[in-house]
C-alpha cells in the first residue's frame, strides 16, 4: 500500500491505495465521524484481487488538511471525493461508506450517478437517523468547546465511542488514532467545525431520491450497533431498489473493525453482481 496527498481546491486530501491499478473495478472507501481511513485497513487486506482500492481521509480527518472554514456538508465532501477520483483517473467506482461517509456515498450516487458503479452503505447515516451520539455529543460539546481543554473534550468523546466496538482492545487503539488530529488547539477548532456541520436535514433531503438509485447496492450493519439501529438498515435497504441487506452478529457500530471478514465477503458479493 502507498499513501500520498492530493490537492483538491486548495486543500490536501490524504489517501492510500492498494490492489491493482488499471485492472478491474475500482473501490473507494469513505469513513465517518470522527474516524479516518484507518477504519478500513482490515477490510482492504481481505478484498478480492483484481481491484484498485482507494481509501480516503475526508477533509478535516486523519492526515487530510483541517477544514479551515471550507464547507463540510455531505455534498461538499462528495464533490471533493469526485475531484480526487478525477485526479486519480477514476471515472466510475464502487463507493463504500460508513457512518457519515455513507451519507457522502449517498450524495455521490444521487448527484453523480454516472460516477458510482455500485454502492455499499455500512452502519450509515440515513433519513433522519444519525447516530444519537453524534448529535447528542455535538450539542453538549458545542456548549463547552470554548471553555475546556482539548484533552477533556476528547476524553468525553472517547468514552462514548468505545460503546461502538465489540472488542475493547481494538477500540482503545483505533479511537486513539482517530482522535489524535483533534488533540491540539487547531485540532479543537477543526473538531468544532465538524460538530457544527452534522445535520440530519441533508439525509432527509436525499431520502426521497433513494428510489432512483439504479446502481447495485448493499446495506451492511452491525447487529449490536448502539448508535444507529438495524431497523434503519432495513428501511434503507427497502428504499434502494434491489439492495441486499447483511446484518452481522458480533459487530456494533464500527463493523469494518469488528467484523472485517464478513464485510469484505459482502463487498466481494456486491462486486460480483
C-alpha atoms as a PDB file:
ATOM      1  CA  UNK A   1       0.000   0.000   0.000  1.00  0.00           C
ATOM      2  CA  UNK A   2       1.120   3.551  -0.617  1.00  0.00           C
ATOM      3  CA  UNK A   3      -0.239   6.826   0.687  1.00  0.00           C
ATOM      4  CA  UNK A   4       0.015  10.338  -0.668  1.00  0.00           C
ATOM      5  CA  UNK A   5      -1.628  13.748  -0.649  1.00  0.00           C
ATOM      6  CA  UNK A   6      -3.748  15.174  -3.450  1.00  0.00           C
ATOM      7  CA  UNK A   7      -4.560  18.882  -3.681  1.00  0.00           C
ATOM      8  CA  UNK A   8      -8.303  19.407  -4.075  1.00  0.00           C
ATOM      9  CA  UNK A   9      -9.485  23.016  -4.305  1.00  0.00           C
ATOM     10  CA  UNK A  10      -6.560  24.273  -2.264  1.00  0.00           C
ATOM     11  CA  UNK A  11      -6.692  21.632   0.481  1.00  0.00           C
ATOM     12  CA  UNK A  12      -4.711  18.414   0.699  1.00  0.00           C
ATOM     13  CA  UNK A  13      -6.630  15.143   0.967  1.00  0.00           C
ATOM     14  CA  UNK A  14      -4.734  12.066   2.063  1.00  0.00           C
ATOM     15  CA  UNK A  15      -5.470   8.700   0.526  1.00  0.00           C
ATOM     16  CA  UNK A  16      -3.807   5.335   0.325  1.00  0.00           C
ATOM     17  CA  UNK A  17      -4.163   2.795  -2.442  1.00  0.00           C
ATOM     18  CA  UNK A  18      -3.973  -0.979  -2.580  1.00  0.00           C
ATOM     19  CA  UNK A  19      -4.799  -3.679  -5.075  1.00  0.00           C
ATOM     20  CA  UNK A  20      -4.087  -3.467  -8.802  1.00  0.00           C
ATOM     21  CA  UNK A  21      -4.189  -0.189 -10.680  1.00  0.00           C
ATOM     22  CA  UNK A  22      -5.894  -0.319 -14.066  1.00  0.00           C
ATOM     23  CA  UNK A  23      -7.378  -3.780 -13.514  1.00  0.00           C
ATOM     24  CA  UNK A  24     -10.971  -4.435 -12.526  1.00  0.00           C
ATOM     25  CA  UNK A  25     -13.486  -2.125 -10.941  1.00  0.00           C
ATOM     26  CA  UNK A  26     -12.052   0.493  -8.534  1.00  0.00           C
ATOM     27  CA  UNK A  27     -13.427   0.642  -4.981  1.00  0.00           C
ATOM     28  CA  UNK A  28     -13.414   3.881  -2.954  1.00  0.00           C
ATOM     29  CA  UNK A  29     -13.746   3.626   0.840  1.00  0.00           C
ATOM     30  CA  UNK A  30     -15.141   6.518   2.908  1.00  0.00           C
ATOM     31  CA  UNK A  31     -15.085   6.692   6.713  1.00  0.00           C
ATOM     32  CA  UNK A  32     -17.404   8.544   9.066  1.00  0.00           C
ATOM     33  CA  UNK A  33     -17.329  10.877  12.077  1.00  0.00           C
ATOM     34  CA  UNK A  34     -14.900  11.187  13.826  1.00  0.00           C
ATOM     35  CA  UNK A  35     -12.695   8.480  12.294  1.00  0.00           C
ATOM     36  CA  UNK A  36     -10.353   8.156   9.299  1.00  0.00           C
ATOM     37  CA  UNK A  37      -9.351   5.749   6.542  1.00  0.00           C
ATOM     38  CA  UNK A  38      -7.652   3.615   9.207  1.00  0.00           C
ATOM     39  CA  UNK A  39     -11.136   2.183   9.826  1.00  0.00           C
ATOM     40  CA  UNK A  40     -10.905   0.153   6.604  1.00  0.00           C
ATOM     41  CA  UNK A  41      -7.432  -1.376   6.992  1.00  0.00           C
ATOM     42  CA  UNK A  42      -8.507  -4.927   7.840  1.00  0.00           C
ATOM     43  CA  UNK A  43     -11.266  -4.963   5.204  1.00  0.00           C
ATOM     44  CA  UNK A  44      -8.900  -3.758   2.464  1.00  0.00           C
ATOM     45  CA  UNK A  45      -6.470  -6.586   3.274  1.00  0.00           C
ATOM     46  CA  UNK A  46      -9.267  -9.129   2.705  1.00  0.00           C
ATOM     47  CA  UNK A  47     -10.696  -7.759  -0.539  1.00  0.00           C
ATOM     48  CA  UNK A  48     -10.608  -9.970  -3.653  1.00  0.00           C
ATOM     49  CA  UNK A  49      -7.753  -9.466  -6.130  1.00  0.00           C
ATOM     50  CA  UNK A  50      -8.157  -7.535  -9.349  1.00  0.00           C
ATOM     51  CA  UNK A  51      -9.442  -4.221  -7.974  1.00  0.00           C
ATOM     52  CA  UNK A  52      -7.866  -0.839  -7.354  1.00  0.00           C
ATOM     53  CA  UNK A  53      -8.710   0.069  -3.752  1.00  0.00           C
ATOM     54  CA  UNK A  54      -8.624   3.723  -2.686  1.00  0.00           C
ATOM     55  CA  UNK A  55      -9.101   4.687   0.978  1.00  0.00           C
ATOM     56  CA  UNK A  56      -9.733   8.390   1.623  1.00  0.00           C
ATOM     57  CA  UNK A  57      -9.316  10.601   4.679  1.00  0.00           C
ATOM     58  CA  UNK A  58     -12.122  13.139   4.276  1.00  0.00           C
ATOM     59  CA  UNK A  59     -11.233  16.799   4.731  1.00  0.00           C
ATOM     60  CA  UNK A  60     -10.522  17.551   8.384  1.00  0.00           C
ATOM     61  CA  UNK A  61      -9.969  13.914   9.381  1.00  0.00           C
ATOM     62  CA  UNK A  62      -6.930  11.669   9.651  1.00  0.00           C
ATOM     63  CA  UNK A  63      -3.980  13.067   7.714  1.00  0.00           C
ATOM     64  CA  UNK A  64      -6.007  15.365   5.467  1.00  0.00           C
ATOM     65  CA  UNK A  65      -5.839  19.119   5.999  1.00  0.00           C
ATOM     66  CA  UNK A  66      -8.047  20.847   8.590  1.00  0.00           C
ATOM     67  CA  UNK A  67     -11.191  22.359   7.070  1.00  0.00           C
ATOM     68  CA  UNK A  68     -10.239  25.976   7.881  1.00  0.00           C
ATOM     69  CA  UNK A  69     -13.720  27.215   7.094  1.00  0.00           C
ATOM     70  CA  UNK A  70     -14.300  25.098   3.986  1.00  0.00           C
ATOM     71  CA  UNK A  71     -17.795  23.565   3.746  1.00  0.00           C
ATOM     72  CA  UNK A  72     -18.271  20.177   5.403  1.00  0.00           C
ATOM     73  CA  UNK A  73     -21.723  19.229   4.152  1.00  0.00           C
ATOM     74  CA  UNK A  74     -22.289  15.781   2.672  1.00  0.00           C
ATOM     75  CA  UNK A  75     -22.457  17.356  -0.775  1.00  0.00           C
ATOM     76  CA  UNK A  76     -19.189  19.252  -0.236  1.00  0.00           C
ATOM     77  CA  UNK A  77     -17.409  16.081   0.881  1.00  0.00           C
ATOM     78  CA  UNK A  78     -18.920  14.241  -2.101  1.00  0.00           C
ATOM     79  CA  UNK A  79     -17.687  16.865  -4.563  1.00  0.00           C
ATOM     80  CA  UNK A  80     -14.165  16.656  -3.117  1.00  0.00           C
ATOM     81  CA  UNK A  81     -14.121  12.862  -3.396  1.00  0.00           C
ATOM     82  CA  UNK A  82     -15.255  13.118  -7.019  1.00  0.00           C
ATOM     83  CA  UNK A  83     -12.478  15.639  -7.680  1.00  0.00           C
ATOM     84  CA  UNK A  84      -9.964  13.261  -6.102  1.00  0.00           C
ATOM     85  CA  UNK A  85     -11.263  10.473  -8.357  1.00  0.00           C
ATOM     86  CA  UNK A  86     -10.760  12.795 -11.337  1.00  0.00           C
ATOM     87  CA  UNK A  87      -7.151  13.399 -10.329  1.00  0.00           C
ATOM     88  CA  UNK A  88      -6.567   9.671  -9.936  1.00  0.00           C
ATOM     89  CA  UNK A  89      -8.109   8.932 -13.322  1.00  0.00           C
ATOM     90  CA  UNK A  90     -11.060   7.012 -11.870  1.00  0.00           C
ATOM     91  CA  UNK A  91     -14.200   7.505 -13.920  1.00  0.00           C
ATOM     92  CA  UNK A  92     -16.509   5.131 -12.054  1.00  0.00           C
ATOM     93  CA  UNK A  93     -16.078   3.229  -8.820  1.00  0.00           C
ATOM     94  CA  UNK A  94     -17.862   1.119  -6.271  1.00  0.00           C
ATOM     95  CA  UNK A  95     -18.278   3.516  -3.335  1.00  0.00           C
ATOM     96  CA  UNK A  96     -18.315   2.147   0.210  1.00  0.00           C
ATOM     97  CA  UNK A  97     -19.313   4.484   3.047  1.00  0.00           C
ATOM     98  CA  UNK A  98     -19.516   4.075   6.814  1.00  0.00           C
ATOM     99  CA  UNK A  99     -21.457   6.379   9.174  1.00  0.00           C
ATOM    100  CA  UNK A 100     -21.124   9.957   7.824  1.00  0.00           C
ATOM    101  CA  UNK A 101     -19.218   8.510   4.863  1.00  0.00           C
ATOM    102  CA  UNK A 102     -22.389   6.590   3.999  1.00  0.00           C
ATOM    103  CA  UNK A 103     -24.181   9.925   3.691  1.00  0.00           C
ATOM    104  CA  UNK A 104     -21.382  11.158   1.439  1.00  0.00           C
ATOM    105  CA  UNK A 105     -21.739   7.991  -0.654  1.00  0.00           C
ATOM    106  CA  UNK A 106     -25.493   8.579  -0.982  1.00  0.00           C
ATOM    107  CA  UNK A 107     -24.853  12.154  -2.120  1.00  0.00           C
ATOM    108  CA  UNK A 108     -22.338  10.933  -4.717  1.00  0.00           C
ATOM    109  CA  UNK A 109     -24.727   8.288  -6.027  1.00  0.00           C
ATOM    110  CA  UNK A 110     -27.672  10.648  -6.266  1.00  0.00           C
ATOM    111  CA  UNK A 111     -25.914  13.747  -7.624  1.00  0.00           C
ATOM    112  CA  UNK A 112     -23.350  11.978  -9.847  1.00  0.00           C
ATOM    113  CA  UNK A 113     -24.910   8.598 -10.702  1.00  0.00           C
ATOM    114  CA  UNK A 114     -22.603   8.078 -13.674  1.00  0.00           C
ATOM    115  CA  UNK A 115     -19.604   8.025 -11.309  1.00  0.00           C
ATOM    116  CA  UNK A 116     -20.853   5.323  -8.898  1.00  0.00           C
ATOM    117  CA  UNK A 117     -20.902   1.801 -10.314  1.00  0.00           C
ATOM    118  CA  UNK A 118     -22.004   0.134  -7.058  1.00  0.00           C
ATOM    119  CA  UNK A 119     -22.934   1.354  -3.596  1.00  0.00           C
ATOM    120  CA  UNK A 120     -22.283  -0.136  -0.153  1.00  0.00           C
ATOM    121  CA  UNK A 121     -23.616   1.541   2.993  1.00  0.00           C
ATOM    122  CA  UNK A 122     -22.181   0.326   6.306  1.00  0.00           C
ATOM    123  CA  UNK A 123     -23.861   1.485   9.549  1.00  0.00           C
ATOM    124  CA  UNK A 124     -24.671   4.632   7.598  1.00  0.00           C
ATOM    125  CA  UNK A 125     -26.482   7.831   8.406  1.00  0.00           C
ATOM    126  CA  UNK A 126     -29.763   7.929   6.503  1.00  0.00           C
ATOM    127  CA  UNK A 127     -33.180   9.593   6.588  1.00  0.00           C
ATOM    128  CA  UNK A 128     -33.402  11.410   9.933  1.00  0.00           C
ATOM    129  CA  UNK A 129     -31.446   8.649  11.626  1.00  0.00           C
ATOM    130  CA  UNK A 130     -27.987   9.774  12.619  1.00  0.00           C
ATOM    131  CA  UNK A 131     -26.028   8.239  15.471  1.00  0.00           C
ATOM    132  CA  UNK A 132     -27.594   9.594  18.617  1.00  0.00           C
ATOM    133  CA  UNK A 133     -24.099  10.052  19.992  1.00  0.00           C
ATOM    134  CA  UNK A 134     -23.105  12.355  17.120  1.00  0.00           C
ATOM    135  CA  UNK A 135     -25.901  14.813  17.655  1.00  0.00           C
ATOM    136  CA  UNK A 136     -26.053  14.462  21.436  1.00  0.00           C
ATOM    137  CA  UNK A 137     -22.304  14.857  21.880  1.00  0.00           C
ATOM    138  CA  UNK A 138     -22.316  17.705  19.366  1.00  0.00           C
ATOM    139  CA  UNK A 139     -24.909  19.661  21.327  1.00  0.00           C
ATOM    140  CA  UNK A 140     -23.091  19.082  24.616  1.00  0.00           C
ATOM    141  CA  UNK A 141     -19.591  19.793  23.361  1.00  0.00           C
ATOM    142  CA  UNK A 142     -20.511  22.889  21.383  1.00  0.00           C
ATOM    143  CA  UNK A 143     -21.504  24.468  24.700  1.00  0.00           C
ATOM    144  CA  UNK A 144     -18.132  23.543  26.205  1.00  0.00           C
ATOM    145  CA  UNK A 145     -15.518  23.685  23.468  1.00  0.00           C
ATOM    146  CA  UNK A 146     -14.595  27.284  24.107  1.00  0.00           C
ATOM    147  CA  UNK A 147     -14.060  26.672  27.811  1.00  0.00           C
ATOM    148  CA  UNK A 148     -12.399  23.274  28.151  1.00  0.00           C
ATOM    149  CA  UNK A 149      -9.062  21.797  27.119  1.00  0.00           C
ATOM    150  CA  UNK A 150      -8.991  19.535  24.046  1.00  0.00           C
ATOM    151  CA  UNK A 151      -7.838  16.651  26.271  1.00  0.00           C
ATOM    152  CA  UNK A 152     -11.009  16.799  28.378  1.00  0.00           C
ATOM    153  CA  UNK A 153     -13.263  17.247  25.353  1.00  0.00           C
ATOM    154  CA  UNK A 154     -11.777  14.185  23.645  1.00  0.00           C
ATOM    155  CA  UNK A 155     -11.996  12.100  26.822  1.00  0.00           C
ATOM    156  CA  UNK A 156     -15.768  12.604  26.779  1.00  0.00           C
ATOM    157  CA  UNK A 157     -15.976  11.536  23.154  1.00  0.00           C
ATOM    158  CA  UNK A 158     -13.576   8.599  23.625  1.00  0.00           C
ATOM    159  CA  UNK A 159     -15.736   7.081  26.361  1.00  0.00           C
ATOM    160  CA  UNK A 160     -18.796   7.234  24.142  1.00  0.00           C
ATOM    161  CA  UNK A 161     -17.074   5.845  21.057  1.00  0.00           C
ATOM    162  CA  UNK A 162     -15.934   2.771  22.981  1.00  0.00           C
ATOM    163  CA  UNK A 163     -19.547   1.607  23.095  1.00  0.00           C
ATOM    164  CA  UNK A 164     -19.442   1.252  19.302  1.00  0.00           C
ATOM    165  CA  UNK A 165     -16.867  -1.554  19.449  1.00  0.00           C
ATOM    166  CA  UNK A 166     -17.299  -5.203  20.317  1.00  0.00           C
ATOM    167  CA  UNK A 167     -13.600  -5.590  21.192  1.00  0.00           C
ATOM    168  CA  UNK A 168     -12.190  -3.302  23.894  1.00  0.00           C
ATOM    169  CA  UNK A 169      -8.533  -3.633  22.858  1.00  0.00           C
ATOM    170  CA  UNK A 170      -9.287  -2.683  19.287  1.00  0.00           C
ATOM    171  CA  UNK A 171     -11.380   0.243  20.473  1.00  0.00           C
ATOM    172  CA  UNK A 172      -8.548   1.691  22.555  1.00  0.00           C
ATOM    173  CA  UNK A 173      -6.016   1.546  19.710  1.00  0.00           C
ATOM    174  CA  UNK A 174      -8.284   2.833  16.947  1.00  0.00           C
ATOM    175  CA  UNK A 175     -10.019   5.589  18.886  1.00  0.00           C
ATOM    176  CA  UNK A 176      -6.668   6.978  19.984  1.00  0.00           C
ATOM    177  CA  UNK A 177      -5.608   7.133  16.348  1.00  0.00           C
ATOM    178  CA  UNK A 178      -8.886   8.669  15.187  1.00  0.00           C
ATOM    179  CA  UNK A 179      -8.843  11.436  17.790  1.00  0.00           C
ATOM    180  CA  UNK A 180      -5.139  12.333  17.557  1.00  0.00           C
ATOM    181  CA  UNK A 181      -5.674  15.072  14.910  1.00  0.00           C
ATOM    182  CA  UNK A 182      -8.061  16.874  17.283  1.00  0.00           C
ATOM    183  CA  UNK A 183      -5.740  16.969  20.311  1.00  0.00           C
ATOM    184  CA  UNK A 184      -4.209  20.419  19.642  1.00  0.00           C
ATOM    185  CA  UNK A 185      -5.912  23.837  19.820  1.00  0.00           C
ATOM    186  CA  UNK A 186      -6.000  23.838  15.992  1.00  0.00           C
ATOM    187  CA  UNK A 187      -7.477  20.350  16.126  1.00  0.00           C
ATOM    188  CA  UNK A 188     -10.140  21.521  18.546  1.00  0.00           C
ATOM    189  CA  UNK A 189     -11.148  24.237  16.085  1.00  0.00           C
ATOM    190  CA  UNK A 190     -11.409  21.636  13.331  1.00  0.00           C
ATOM    191  CA  UNK A 191     -13.452  19.374  15.591  1.00  0.00           C
ATOM    192  CA  UNK A 192     -15.885  22.201  16.326  1.00  0.00           C
ATOM    193  CA  UNK A 193     -16.298  22.755  12.579  1.00  0.00           C
ATOM    194  CA  UNK A 194     -17.204  19.076  12.179  1.00  0.00           C
ATOM    195  CA  UNK A 195     -19.692  19.248  15.050  1.00  0.00           C
ATOM    196  CA  UNK A 196     -21.409  22.287  13.552  1.00  0.00           C
ATOM    197  CA  UNK A 197     -21.684  20.528  10.175  1.00  0.00           C
ATOM    198  CA  UNK A 198     -23.595  17.481  11.476  1.00  0.00           C
ATOM    199  CA  UNK A 199     -27.059  17.975  10.018  1.00  0.00           C
ATOM    200  CA  UNK A 200     -29.698  15.283   9.545  1.00  0.00           C
ATOM    201  CA  UNK A 201     -31.617  17.591   7.193  1.00  0.00           C
ATOM    202  CA  UNK A 202     -29.145  16.590   4.480  1.00  0.00           C
ATOM    203  CA  UNK A 203     -30.035  12.904   4.572  1.00  0.00           C
ATOM    204  CA  UNK A 204     -33.724  13.728   4.881  1.00  0.00           C
ATOM    205  CA  UNK A 205     -33.380  15.662   1.616  1.00  0.00           C
ATOM    206  CA  UNK A 206     -31.621  12.711  -0.032  1.00  0.00           C
ATOM    207  CA  UNK A 207     -34.180  10.183   1.241  1.00  0.00           C
ATOM    208  CA  UNK A 208     -36.787  10.992  -1.387  1.00  0.00           C
ATOM    209  CA  UNK A 209     -34.306  10.195  -4.161  1.00  0.00           C
ATOM    210  CA  UNK A 210     -33.032   6.844  -2.881  1.00  0.00           C
ATOM    211  CA  UNK A 211     -35.632   5.087  -5.005  1.00  0.00           C
ATOM    212  CA  UNK A 212     -33.991   6.453  -8.153  1.00  0.00           C
ATOM    213  CA  UNK A 213     -30.657   4.721  -7.445  1.00  0.00           C
ATOM    214  CA  UNK A 214     -30.007   2.181 -10.188  1.00  0.00           C
ATOM    215  CA  UNK A 215     -26.520   1.031  -9.141  1.00  0.00           C
ATOM    216  CA  UNK A 216     -26.329  -2.396  -7.467  1.00  0.00           C
ATOM    217  CA  UNK A 217     -26.312  -1.743  -3.729  1.00  0.00           C
ATOM    218  CA  UNK A 218     -25.866  -3.464  -0.405  1.00  0.00           C
ATOM    219  CA  UNK A 219     -26.516  -2.385   3.181  1.00  0.00           C
ATOM    220  CA  UNK A 220     -24.223  -3.848   5.847  1.00  0.00           C
ATOM    221  CA  UNK A 221     -24.882  -3.357   9.558  1.00  0.00           C
ATOM    222  CA  UNK A 222     -23.631  -4.458  12.945  1.00  0.00           C
ATOM    223  CA  UNK A 223     -26.407  -6.304  14.764  1.00  0.00           C
ATOM    224  CA  UNK A 224     -25.405  -4.659  18.036  1.00  0.00           C
ATOM    225  CA  UNK A 225     -24.991  -1.097  16.754  1.00  0.00           C
ATOM    226  CA  UNK A 226     -25.864   1.081  19.778  1.00  0.00           C
ATOM    227  CA  UNK A 227     -25.933   4.300  17.768  1.00  0.00           C
ATOM    228  CA  UNK A 228     -27.947   3.548  14.613  1.00  0.00           C
ATOM    229  CA  UNK A 229     -30.490   0.744  14.935  1.00  0.00           C
ATOM    230  CA  UNK A 230     -30.659  -2.119  12.452  1.00  0.00           C
ATOM    231  CA  UNK A 231     -34.272  -1.019  11.927  1.00  0.00           C
ATOM    232  CA  UNK A 232     -32.812   1.851   9.926  1.00  0.00           C
ATOM    233  CA  UNK A 233     -30.715  -0.646   7.942  1.00  0.00           C
ATOM    234  CA  UNK A 234     -33.861  -2.495   6.863  1.00  0.00           C
ATOM    235  CA  UNK A 235     -35.595   0.738   5.937  1.00  0.00           C
ATOM    236  CA  UNK A 236     -32.573   1.829   3.906  1.00  0.00           C
ATOM    237  CA  UNK A 237     -32.344  -1.487   2.045  1.00  0.00           C
ATOM    238  CA  UNK A 238     -36.049  -1.308   1.237  1.00  0.00           C
ATOM    239  CA  UNK A 239     -35.706   2.254  -0.105  1.00  0.00           C
ATOM    240  CA  UNK A 240     -32.946   1.418  -2.629  1.00  0.00           C
ATOM    241  CA  UNK A 241     -34.223  -0.782  -5.468  1.00  0.00           C
ATOM    242  CA  UNK A 242     -32.688  -4.258  -5.401  1.00  0.00           C
ATOM    243  CA  UNK A 243     -30.416  -3.550  -2.424  1.00  0.00           C
ATOM    244  CA  UNK A 244     -29.270  -6.549  -0.396  1.00  0.00           C
ATOM    245  CA  UNK A 245     -29.060  -6.470   3.391  1.00  0.00           C
ATOM    246  CA  UNK A 246     -26.484  -8.036   5.713  1.00  0.00           C
ATOM    247  CA  UNK A 247     -26.968  -7.780   9.499  1.00  0.00           C
ATOM    248  CA  UNK A 248     -23.747  -9.056  11.070  1.00  0.00           C
ATOM    249  CA  UNK A 249     -23.728 -10.659  14.520  1.00  0.00           C
ATOM    250  CA  UNK A 250     -20.784  -9.891  16.772  1.00  0.00           C
ATOM    251  CA  UNK A 251     -20.458  -6.343  15.458  1.00  0.00           C
ATOM    252  CA  UNK A 252     -21.570  -2.985  16.775  1.00  0.00           C
ATOM    253  CA  UNK A 253     -21.232   0.390  15.043  1.00  0.00           C
ATOM    254  CA  UNK A 254     -17.635   0.075  13.873  1.00  0.00           C
ATOM    255  CA  UNK A 255     -18.429  -3.017  11.846  1.00  0.00           C
ATOM    256  CA  UNK A 256     -15.423  -2.744   9.476  1.00  0.00           C
ATOM    257  CA  UNK A 257     -13.185  -3.346  12.506  1.00  0.00           C
ATOM    258  CA  UNK A 258     -15.445  -5.679  14.491  1.00  0.00           C
ATOM    259  CA  UNK A 259     -16.186  -7.970  11.521  1.00  0.00           C
ATOM    260  CA  UNK A 260     -13.747  -7.307   8.655  1.00  0.00           C
ATOM    261  CA  UNK A 261     -14.118 -10.743   7.038  1.00  0.00           C
ATOM    262  CA  UNK A 262     -17.936 -10.634   6.756  1.00  0.00           C
ATOM    263  CA  UNK A 263     -17.744  -7.045   5.493  1.00  0.00           C
ATOM    264  CA  UNK A 264     -15.151  -7.999   2.863  1.00  0.00           C
ATOM    265  CA  UNK A 265     -17.264 -11.013   1.854  1.00  0.00           C
ATOM    266  CA  UNK A 266     -20.347  -8.823   1.466  1.00  0.00           C
ATOM    267  CA  UNK A 267     -18.382  -6.364  -0.683  1.00  0.00           C
ATOM    268  CA  UNK A 268     -16.998  -9.224  -2.761  1.00  0.00           C
ATOM    269  CA  UNK A 269     -20.558 -10.418  -3.388  1.00  0.00           C
ATOM    270  CA  UNK A 270     -21.572  -6.896  -4.422  1.00  0.00           C
ATOM    271  CA  UNK A 271     -18.663  -6.652  -6.863  1.00  0.00           C
ATOM    272  CA  UNK A 272     -19.701  -9.984  -8.392  1.00  0.00           C
ATOM    273  CA  UNK A 273     -23.279  -8.852  -9.080  1.00  0.00           C
END
